[in-house]
Amino acid sequence: MPQGWKMRVASLRWFSVWRNHTDALRRLRAIVLPDPWKNDTWAWDALRLRQLHALGIVDEEPEAWTQMLAERLLFDRLASPWGEALSGDKR
């Protein structure tokens, strides 16, 4: 953890809300991440890197393709089972 920053774990819904409020998170010096996932740790890592980059803590930008897939997985987890129907996925 960077000096003076706190990490907070939130449900997927609260993470989705807070990640868009980077100014408030900078003022609070808080990093909000979803509960760590048991599977798909690559997606959690991509969301973590996006949050750290958005807050200016790291210079490394998340890879666009990996970030897109992580966002899709997040959407599917938030809206399951509606996620597949809304995304057009007919598995």
PDB file of N, CA and C in Angstrom:
ATOM      1  N   MET A   1       0.837  -1.192   0.000  1.00  0.00           N
ATOM      2  CA  MET A   1       0.000   0.000   0.000  1.00  0.00           C
ATOM      3  C   MET A   1       0.877   1.248   0.000  1.00  0.00           C
ATOM      4  N   PRO A   2       0.490   2.222  -0.802  1.00  0.00           N
ATOM      5  CA  PRO A   2       1.216   3.488  -0.754  1.00  0.00           C
ATOM      6  C   PRO A   2       1.050   4.157   0.605  1.00  0.00           C
ATOM      7  N   GLN A   3       2.054   4.884   1.007  1.00  0.00           N
ATOM      8  CA  GLN A   3       2.040   5.564   2.302  1.00  0.00           C
ATOM      9  C   GLN A   3       0.811   6.460   2.427  1.00  0.00           C
ATOM     10  N   GLY A   4       0.069   6.293   3.536  1.00  0.00           N
ATOM     11  CA  GLY A   4      -1.073   7.155   3.827  1.00  0.00           C
ATOM     12  C   GLY A   4      -2.380   6.758   3.157  1.00  0.00           C
ATOM     13  N   TRP A   5      -2.372   5.716   2.343  1.00  0.00           N
ATOM     14  CA  TRP A   5      -3.596   5.266   1.671  1.00  0.00           C
ATOM     15  C   TRP A   5      -4.189   4.082   2.419  1.00  0.00           C
ATOM     16  N   LYS A   6      -5.529   3.979   2.364  1.00  0.00           N
ATOM     17  CA  LYS A   6      -6.240   2.846   2.963  1.00  0.00           C
ATOM     18  C   LYS A   6      -6.888   2.047   1.845  1.00  0.00           C
ATOM     19  N   MET A   7      -6.940   0.743   2.010  1.00  0.00           N
ATOM     20  CA  MET A   7      -7.651  -0.086   1.049  1.00  0.00           C
ATOM     21  C   MET A   7      -8.968  -0.509   1.665  1.00  0.00           C
ATOM     22  N   ARG A   8     -10.036  -0.357   0.923  1.00  0.00           N
ATOM     23  CA  ARG A   8     -11.367  -0.763   1.356  1.00  0.00           C
ATOM     24  C   ARG A   8     -11.910  -1.780   0.371  1.00  0.00           C
ATOM     25  N   VAL A   9     -12.552  -2.798   0.881  1.00  0.00           N
ATOM     26  CA  VAL A   9     -13.170  -3.832   0.060  1.00  0.00           C
ATOM     27  C   VAL A   9     -14.673  -3.611   0.095  1.00  0.00           C
ATOM     28  N   ALA A  10     -15.294  -3.660  -1.075  1.00  0.00           N
ATOM     29  CA  ALA A  10     -16.729  -3.388  -1.183  1.00  0.00           C
ATOM     30  C   ALA A  10     -17.400  -4.486  -2.005  1.00  0.00           C
ATOM     31  N   SER A  11     -18.704  -4.541  -1.886  1.00  0.00           N
ATOM     32  CA  SER A  11     -19.459  -5.445  -2.756  1.00  0.00           C
ATOM     33  C   SER A  11     -19.297  -4.957  -4.200  1.00  0.00           C
ATOM     34  N   LEU A  12     -19.643  -5.784  -5.153  1.00  0.00           N
ATOM     35  CA  LEU A  12     -19.508  -5.390  -6.554  1.00  0.00           C
ATOM     36  C   LEU A  12     -20.312  -4.132  -6.860  1.00  0.00           C
ATOM     37  N   ARG A  13     -21.507  -4.029  -6.281  1.00  0.00           N
ATOM     38  CA  ARG A  13     -22.340  -2.844  -6.546  1.00  0.00           C
ATOM     39  C   ARG A  13     -21.700  -1.575  -5.984  1.00  0.00           C
ATOM     40  N   TRP A  14     -21.206  -1.622  -4.748  1.00  0.00           N
ATOM     41  CA  TRP A  14     -20.580  -0.449  -4.154  1.00  0.00           C
ATOM     42  C   TRP A  14     -19.274  -0.113  -4.845  1.00  0.00           C
ATOM     43  N   PHE A  15     -18.530  -1.124  -5.264  1.00  0.00           N
ATOM     44  CA  PHE A  15     -17.310  -0.872  -6.025  1.00  0.00           C
ATOM     45  C   PHE A  15     -17.648  -0.145  -7.312  1.00  0.00           C
ATOM     46  N   SER A  16     -18.707  -0.576  -7.994  1.00  0.00           N
ATOM     47  CA  SER A  16     -19.106   0.057  -9.246  1.00  0.00           C
ATOM     48  C   SER A  16     -19.457   1.529  -9.053  1.00  0.00           C
ATOM     49  N   VAL A  17     -20.049   1.857  -7.915  1.00  0.00           N
ATOM     50  CA  VAL A  17     -20.381   3.250  -7.619  1.00  0.00           C
ATOM     51  C   VAL A  17     -19.113   4.044  -7.296  1.00  0.00           C
ATOM     52  N   TRP A  18     -18.315   3.549  -6.374  1.00  0.00           N
ATOM     53  CA  TRP A  18     -17.168   4.311  -5.889  1.00  0.00           C
ATOM     54  C   TRP A  18     -16.059   4.494  -6.906  1.00  0.00           C
ATOM     55  N   ARG A  19     -15.876   3.543  -7.797  1.00  0.00           N
ATOM     56  CA  ARG A  19     -14.741   3.653  -8.724  1.00  0.00           C
ATOM     57  C   ARG A  19     -14.870   4.838  -9.662  1.00  0.00           C
ATOM     58  N   ASN A  20     -16.071   5.363  -9.827  1.00  0.00           N
ATOM     59  CA  ASN A  20     -16.281   6.518 -10.694  1.00  0.00           C
ATOM     60  C   ASN A  20     -16.121   7.844  -9.961  1.00  0.00           C
ATOM     61  N   HIS A  21     -15.818   7.805  -8.685  1.00  0.00           N
ATOM     62  CA  HIS A  21     -15.660   9.025  -7.886  1.00  0.00           C
ATOM     63  C   HIS A  21     -14.209   9.179  -7.442  1.00  0.00           C
ATOM     64  N   THR A  22     -13.322   9.295  -8.421  1.00  0.00           N
ATOM     65  CA  THR A  22     -11.897   9.328  -8.102  1.00  0.00           C
ATOM     66  C   THR A  22     -11.508  10.565  -7.293  1.00  0.00           C
ATOM     67  N   ASP A  23     -12.168  11.701  -7.515  1.00  0.00           N
ATOM     68  CA  ASP A  23     -11.830  12.898  -6.731  1.00  0.00           C
ATOM     69  C   ASP A  23     -12.122  12.679  -5.247  1.00  0.00           C
ATOM     70  N   ALA A  24     -13.277  12.083  -4.957  1.00  0.00           N
ATOM     71  CA  ALA A  24     -13.638  11.802  -3.565  1.00  0.00           C
ATOM     72  C   ALA A  24     -12.674  10.785  -2.959  1.00  0.00           C
ATOM     73  N   LEU A  25     -12.301   9.766  -3.730  1.00  0.00           N
ATOM     74  CA  LEU A  25     -11.372   8.757  -3.225  1.00  0.00           C
ATOM     75  C   LEU A  25      -9.997   9.365  -2.962  1.00  0.00           C
ATOM     76  N   ARG A  26      -9.561  10.291  -3.828  1.00  0.00           N
ATOM     77  CA  ARG A  26      -8.277  10.966  -3.582  1.00  0.00           C
ATOM     78  C   ARG A  26      -8.321  11.763  -2.288  1.00  0.00           C
ATOM     79  N   ARG A  27      -9.437  12.485  -2.060  1.00  0.00           N
ATOM     80  CA  ARG A  27      -9.562  13.262  -0.823  1.00  0.00           C
ATOM     81  C   ARG A  27      -9.546  12.349   0.401  1.00  0.00           C
ATOM     82  N   LEU A  28     -10.219  11.208   0.304  1.00  0.00           N
ATOM     83  CA  LEU A  28     -10.277  10.258   1.416  1.00  0.00           C
ATOM     84  C   LEU A  28      -9.009   9.407   1.510  1.00  0.00           C
ATOM     85  N   ARG A  29      -8.190   9.460   0.466  1.00  0.00           N
ATOM     86  CA  ARG A  29      -6.989   8.625   0.363  1.00  0.00           C
ATOM     87  C   ARG A  29      -7.354   7.152   0.566  1.00  0.00           C
ATOM     88  N   ALA A  30      -8.373   6.750  -0.181  1.00  0.00           N
ATOM     89  CA  ALA A  30      -8.877   5.379  -0.077  1.00  0.00           C
ATOM     90  C   ALA A  30      -8.894   4.724  -1.455  1.00  0.00           C
ATOM     91  N   ILE A  31      -8.518   3.478  -1.479  1.00  0.00           N
ATOM     92  CA  ILE A  31      -8.594   2.653  -2.673  1.00  0.00           C
ATOM     93  C   ILE A  31      -9.727   1.670  -2.436  1.00  0.00           C
ATOM     94  N   VAL A  32     -10.719   1.689  -3.287  1.00  0.00           N
ATOM     95  CA  VAL A  32     -11.863   0.785  -3.137  1.00  0.00           C
ATOM     96  C   VAL A  32     -11.761  -0.293  -4.201  1.00  0.00           C
ATOM     97  N   LEU A  33     -11.808  -1.528  -3.751  1.00  0.00           N
ATOM     98  CA  LEU A  33     -11.745  -2.673  -4.654  1.00  0.00           C
ATOM     99  C   LEU A  33     -12.874  -3.635  -4.314  1.00  0.00           C
ATOM    100  N   PRO A  34     -13.301  -4.436  -5.290  1.00  0.00           N
ATOM    101  CA  PRO A  34     -14.313  -5.441  -4.975  1.00  0.00           C
ATOM    102  C   PRO A  34     -13.720  -6.530  -4.099  1.00  0.00           C
ATOM    103  N   ASP A  35     -14.600  -7.280  -3.431  1.00  0.00           N
ATOM    104  CA  ASP A  35     -14.127  -8.447  -2.689  1.00  0.00           C
ATOM    105  C   ASP A  35     -13.278  -9.291  -3.629  1.00  0.00           C
ATOM    106  N   PRO A  36     -12.113  -9.756  -3.182  1.00  0.00           N
ATOM    107  CA  PRO A  36     -11.283 -10.578  -4.069  1.00  0.00           C
ATOM    108  C   PRO A  36     -12.061 -11.792  -4.579  1.00  0.00           C
ATOM    109  N   TRP A  37     -11.890 -12.086  -5.841  1.00  0.00           N
ATOM    110  CA  TRP A  37     -12.598 -13.200  -6.462  1.00  0.00           C
ATOM    111  C   TRP A  37     -11.796 -14.473  -6.309  1.00  0.00           C
ATOM    112  N   LYS A  38     -12.489 -15.553  -6.089  1.00  0.00           N
ATOM    113  CA  LYS A  38     -11.799 -16.834  -5.947  1.00  0.00           C
ATOM    114  C   LYS A  38     -11.273 -17.316  -7.292  1.00  0.00           C
ATOM    115  N   ASN A  39     -12.040 -17.109  -8.331  1.00  0.00           N
ATOM    116  CA  ASN A  39     -11.608 -17.449  -9.691  1.00  0.00           C
ATOM    117  C   ASN A  39     -11.423 -16.136 -10.446  1.00  0.00           C
ATOM    118  N   ASP A  40     -10.823 -16.215 -11.578  1.00  0.00           N
ATOM    119  CA  ASP A  40     -10.642 -15.032 -12.424  1.00  0.00           C
ATOM    120  C   ASP A  40      -9.839 -13.940 -11.722  1.00  0.00           C
ATOM    121  N   THR A  41      -8.745 -14.317 -11.086  1.00  0.00           N
ATOM    122  CA  THR A  41      -7.934 -13.320 -10.390  1.00  0.00           C
ATOM    123  C   THR A  41      -7.323 -12.318 -11.363  1.00  0.00           C
ATOM    124  N   TRP A  42      -7.137 -12.705 -12.625  1.00  0.00           N
ATOM    125  CA  TRP A  42      -6.616 -11.778 -13.627  1.00  0.00           C
ATOM    126  C   TRP A  42      -7.555 -10.584 -13.777  1.00  0.00           C
ATOM    127  N   ALA A  43      -8.879 -10.833 -13.702  1.00  0.00           N
ATOM    128  CA  ALA A  43      -9.853  -9.744 -13.848  1.00  0.00           C
ATOM    129  C   ALA A  43      -9.800  -8.827 -12.631  1.00  0.00           C
ATOM    130  N   TRP A  44      -9.697  -9.411 -11.457  1.00  0.00           N
ATOM    131  CA  TRP A  44      -9.598  -8.597 -10.238  1.00  0.00           C
ATOM    132  C   TRP A  44      -8.331  -7.745 -10.287  1.00  0.00           C
ATOM    133  N   ASP A  45      -7.230  -8.345 -10.751  1.00  0.00           N
ATOM    134  CA  ASP A  45      -5.976  -7.598 -10.873  1.00  0.00           C
ATOM    135  C   ASP A  45      -6.109  -6.448 -11.876  1.00  0.00           C
ATOM    136  N   ALA A  46      -6.837  -6.677 -12.959  1.00  0.00           N
ATOM    137  CA  ALA A  46      -7.043  -5.617 -13.951  1.00  0.00           C
ATOM    138  C   ALA A  46      -7.860  -4.468 -13.359  1.00  0.00           C
ATOM    139  N   LEU A  47      -8.897  -4.794 -12.595  1.00  0.00           N
ATOM    140  CA  LEU A  47      -9.700  -3.754 -11.947  1.00  0.00           C
ATOM    141  C   LEU A  47      -8.868  -3.008 -10.897  1.00  0.00           C
ATOM    142  N   ARG A  48      -8.006  -3.720 -10.207  1.00  0.00           N
ATOM    143  CA  ARG A  48      -7.125  -3.107  -9.212  1.00  0.00           C
ATOM    144  C   ARG A  48      -6.172  -2.121  -9.884  1.00  0.00           C
ATOM    145  N   LEU A  49      -5.562  -2.549 -10.990  1.00  0.00           N
ATOM    146  CA  LEU A  49      -4.626  -1.678 -11.695  1.00  0.00           C
ATOM    147  C   LEU A  49      -5.336  -0.447 -12.240  1.00  0.00           C
ATOM    148  N   ARG A  50      -6.556  -0.626 -12.737  1.00  0.00           N
ATOM    149  CA  ARG A  50      -7.327   0.515 -13.240  1.00  0.00           C
ATOM    150  C   ARG A  50      -7.558   1.528 -12.132  1.00  0.00           C
ATOM    151  N   GLN A  51      -7.923   1.043 -10.948  1.00  0.00           N
ATOM    152  CA  GLN A  51      -8.198   1.933  -9.818  1.00  0.00           C
ATOM    153  C   GLN A  51      -6.915   2.660  -9.384  1.00  0.00           C
ATOM    154  N   LEU A  52      -5.818   1.951  -9.293  1.00  0.00           N
ATOM    155  CA  LEU A  52      -4.550   2.569  -8.898  1.00  0.00           C
ATOM    156  C   LEU A  52      -4.104   3.614  -9.918  1.00  0.00           C
ATOM    157  N   HIS A  53      -4.288   3.315 -11.205  1.00  0.00           N
ATOM    158  CA  HIS A  53      -3.916   4.261 -12.252  1.00  0.00           C
ATOM    159  C   HIS A  53      -4.832   5.489 -12.227  1.00  0.00           C
ATOM    160  N   ALA A  54      -6.124   5.274 -12.057  1.00  0.00           N
ATOM    161  CA  ALA A  54      -7.083   6.387 -12.022  1.00  0.00           C
ATOM    162  C   ALA A  54      -6.795   7.339 -10.863  1.00  0.00           C
ATOM    163  N   LEU A  55      -6.303   6.794  -9.762  1.00  0.00           N
ATOM    164  CA  LEU A  55      -5.996   7.618  -8.588  1.00  0.00           C
ATOM    165  C   LEU A  55      -4.599   8.240  -8.662  1.00  0.00           C
ATOM    166  N   GLY A  56      -3.838   7.910  -9.698  1.00  0.00           N
ATOM    167  CA  GLY A  56      -2.511   8.478  -9.860  1.00  0.00           C
ATOM    168  C   GLY A  56      -1.454   7.842  -8.980  1.00  0.00           C
ATOM    169  N   ILE A  57      -1.731   6.649  -8.486  1.00  0.00           N
ATOM    170  CA  ILE A  57      -0.782   5.966  -7.595  1.00  0.00           C
ATOM    171  C   ILE A  57       0.290   5.235  -8.401  1.00  0.00           C
ATOM    172  N   VAL A  58      -0.092   4.695  -9.553  1.00  0.00           N
ATOM    173  CA  VAL A  58       0.873   4.033 -10.443  1.00  0.00           C
ATOM    174  C   VAL A  58       0.773   4.662 -11.827  1.00  0.00           C
ATOM    175  N   ASP A  59       1.884   4.641 -12.554  1.00  0.00           N
ATOM    176  CA  ASP A  59       1.896   5.187 -13.914  1.00  0.00           C
ATOM    177  C   ASP A  59       1.434   4.161 -14.943  1.00  0.00           C
ATOM    178  N   GLU A  60       1.599   2.887 -14.597  1.00  0.00           N
ATOM    179  CA  GLU A  60       1.260   1.811 -15.530  1.00  0.00           C
ATOM    180  C   GLU A  60      -0.240   1.824 -15.837  1.00  0.00           C
ATOM    181  N   GLU A  61      -0.554   1.872 -17.133  1.00  0.00           N
ATOM    182  CA  GLU A  61      -1.956   1.837 -17.529  1.00  0.00           C
ATOM    183  C   GLU A  61      -2.389   0.396 -17.747  1.00  0.00           C
ATOM    184  N   PRO A  62      -3.641   0.102 -17.403  1.00  0.00           N
ATOM    185  CA  PRO A  62      -4.124  -1.253 -17.659  1.00  0.00           C
ATOM    186  C   PRO A  62      -4.201  -1.511 -19.164  1.00  0.00           C
ATOM    187  N   GLU A  63      -3.918  -2.727 -19.547  1.00  0.00           N
ATOM    188  CA  GLU A  63      -4.033  -3.107 -20.948  1.00  0.00           C
ATOM    189  C   GLU A  63      -5.507  -3.022 -21.358  1.00  0.00           C
ATOM    190  N   ALA A  64      -5.786  -2.376 -22.457  1.00  0.00           N
ATOM    191  CA  ALA A  64      -7.170  -2.095 -22.872  1.00  0.00           C
ATOM    192  C   ALA A  64      -8.000  -3.368 -23.036  1.00  0.00           C
ATOM    193  N   TRP A  65      -7.439  -4.379 -23.685  1.00  0.00           N
ATOM    194  CA  TRP A  65      -8.192  -5.608 -23.935  1.00  0.00           C
ATOM    195  C   TRP A  65      -8.510  -6.332 -22.622  1.00  0.00           C
ATOM    196  N   THR A  66      -7.529  -6.450 -21.752  1.00  0.00           N
ATOM    197  CA  THR A  66      -7.738  -7.108 -20.465  1.00  0.00           C
ATOM    198  C   THR A  66      -8.754  -6.330 -19.638  1.00  0.00           C
ATOM    199  N   GLN A  67      -8.656  -4.996 -19.672  1.00  0.00           N
ATOM    200  CA  GLN A  67      -9.594  -4.163 -18.933  1.00  0.00           C
ATOM    201  C   GLN A  67     -11.020  -4.355 -19.439  1.00  0.00           C
ATOM    202  N   MET A  68     -11.182  -4.437 -20.756  1.00  0.00           N
ATOM    203  CA  MET A  68     -12.509  -4.639 -21.339  1.00  0.00           C
ATOM    204  C   MET A  68     -13.097  -5.983 -20.894  1.00  0.00           C
ATOM    205  N   LEU A  69     -12.279  -7.023 -20.899  1.00  0.00           N
ATOM    206  CA  LEU A  69     -12.757  -8.335 -20.468  1.00  0.00           C
ATOM    207  C   LEU A  69     -13.107  -8.336 -18.984  1.00  0.00           C
ATOM    208  N   ALA A  70     -12.313  -7.646 -18.176  1.00  0.00           N
ATOM    209  CA  ALA A  70     -12.592  -7.556 -16.736  1.00  0.00           C
ATOM    210  C   ALA A  70     -13.893  -6.805 -16.489  1.00  0.00           C
ATOM    211  N   GLU A  71     -14.128  -5.735 -17.259  1.00  0.00           N
ATOM    212  CA  GLU A  71     -15.379  -4.981 -17.130  1.00  0.00           C
ATOM    213  C   GLU A  71     -16.574  -5.863 -17.507  1.00  0.00           C
ATOM    214  N   ARG A  72     -16.398  -6.652 -18.528  1.00  0.00           N
ATOM    215  CA  ARG A  72     -17.469  -7.559 -18.969  1.00  0.00           C
ATOM    216  C   ARG A  72     -17.773  -8.584 -17.877  1.00  0.00           C
ATOM    217  N   LEU A  73     -16.730  -9.135 -17.280  1.00  0.00           N
ATOM    218  CA  LEU A  73     -16.913 -10.107 -16.207  1.00  0.00           C
ATOM    219  C   LEU A  73     -17.588  -9.452 -15.003  1.00  0.00           C
ATOM    220  N   LEU A  74     -17.184  -8.228 -14.690  1.00  0.00           N
ATOM    221  CA  LEU A  74     -17.822  -7.486 -13.602  1.00  0.00           C
ATOM    222  C   LEU A  74     -19.305  -7.304 -13.887  1.00  0.00           C
ATOM    223  N   PHE A  75     -19.639  -6.896 -15.113  1.00  0.00           N
ATOM    224  CA  PHE A  75     -21.035  -6.709 -15.501  1.00  0.00           C
ATOM    225  C   PHE A  75     -21.814  -8.020 -15.358  1.00  0.00           C
ATOM    226  N   ASP A  76     -21.226  -9.100 -15.835  1.00  0.00           N
ATOM    227  CA  ASP A  76     -21.890 -10.401 -15.738  1.00  0.00           C
ATOM    228  C   ASP A  76     -22.137 -10.802 -14.286  1.00  0.00           C
ATOM    229  N   ARG A  77     -21.183 -10.526 -13.409  1.00  0.00           N
ATOM    230  CA  ARG A  77     -21.349 -10.868 -11.998  1.00  0.00           C
ATOM    231  C   ARG A  77     -22.393  -9.982 -11.328  1.00  0.00           C
ATOM    232  N   LEU A  78     -22.440  -8.710 -11.738  1.00  0.00           N
ATOM    233  CA  LEU A  78     -23.425  -7.793 -11.163  1.00  0.00           C
ATOM    234  C   LEU A  78     -24.843  -8.147 -11.577  1.00  0.00           C
ATOM    235  N   ALA A  79     -24.999  -8.484 -12.838  1.00  0.00           N
ATOM    236  CA  ALA A  79     -26.339  -8.646 -13.392  1.00  0.00           C
ATOM    237  C   ALA A  79     -26.740 -10.096 -13.616  1.00  0.00           C
ATOM    238  N   SER A  80     -25.941 -11.021 -13.195  1.00  0.00           N
ATOM    239  CA  SER A  80     -26.256 -12.429 -13.424  1.00  0.00           C
ATOM    240  C   SER A  80     -27.604 -12.777 -12.800  1.00  0.00           C
ATOM    241  N   PRO A  81     -28.470 -13.505 -13.478  1.00  0.00           N
ATOM    242  CA  PRO A  81     -28.324 -14.112 -14.808  1.00  0.00           C
ATOM    243  C   PRO A  81     -28.713 -13.181 -15.955  1.00  0.00           C
ATOM    244  N   TRP A  82     -29.073 -11.947 -15.663  1.00  0.00           N
ATOM    245  CA  TRP A  82     -29.482 -11.017 -16.715  1.00  0.00           C
ATOM    246  C   TRP A  82     -28.311 -10.585 -17.582  1.00  0.00           C
ATOM    247  N   GLY A  83     -27.105 -10.706 -17.091  1.00  0.00           N
ATOM    248  CA  GLY A  83     -25.947 -10.264 -17.848  1.00  0.00           C
ATOM    249  C   GLY A  83     -25.844 -10.907 -19.214  1.00  0.00           C
ATOM    250  N   GLU A  84     -26.065 -12.204 -19.278  1.00  0.00           N
ATOM    251  CA  GLU A  84     -25.967 -12.891 -20.569  1.00  0.00           C
ATOM    252  C   GLU A  84     -27.041 -12.407 -21.515  1.00  0.00           C
ATOM    253  N   ALA A  85     -28.255 -12.239 -21.033  1.00  0.00           N
ATOM    254  CA  ALA A  85     -29.346 -11.797 -21.899  1.00  0.00           C
ATOM    255  C   ALA A  85     -29.118 -10.368 -22.405  1.00  0.00           C
ATOM    256  N   LEU A  86     -28.640  -9.501 -21.543  1.00  0.00           N
ATOM    257  CA  LEU A  86     -28.437  -8.113 -21.941  1.00  0.00           C
ATOM    258  C   LEU A  86     -27.231  -7.931 -22.834  1.00  0.00           C
ATOM    259  N   SER A  87     -26.238  -8.769 -22.686  1.00  0.00           N
ATOM    260  CA  SER A  87     -25.035  -8.626 -23.508  1.00  0.00           C
ATOM    261  C   SER A  87     -25.168  -9.339 -24.848  1.00  0.00           C
ATOM    262  N   GLY A  88     -26.249 -10.093 -25.044  1.00  0.00           N
ATOM    263  CA  GLY A  88     -26.449 -10.796 -26.291  1.00  0.00           C
ATOM    264  C   GLY A  88     -25.754 -12.134 -26.333  1.00  0.00           C
ATOM    265  N   ASP A  89     -25.151 -12.561 -25.245  1.00  0.00           N
ATOM    266  CA  ASP A  89     -24.462 -13.841 -25.180  1.00  0.00           C
ATOM    267  C   ASP A  89     -25.492 -14.947 -25.092  1.00  0.00           C
ATOM    268  N   LYS A  90     -25.471 -15.875 -26.026  1.00  0.00           N
ATOM    269  CA  LYS A  90     -26.482 -16.939 -26.055  1.00  0.00           C
ATOM    270  C   LYS A  90     -25.851 -18.280 -25.749  1.00  0.00           C
ATOM    271  N   ARG A  91     -25.173 -18.365 -24.639  1.00  0.00           N
ATOM    272  CA  ARG A  91     -24.543 -19.638 -24.249  1.00  0.00           C
ATOM    273  C   ARG A  91     -25.568 -20.652 -23.873  1.00  0.00           C
TER     274      ARG A  91
END
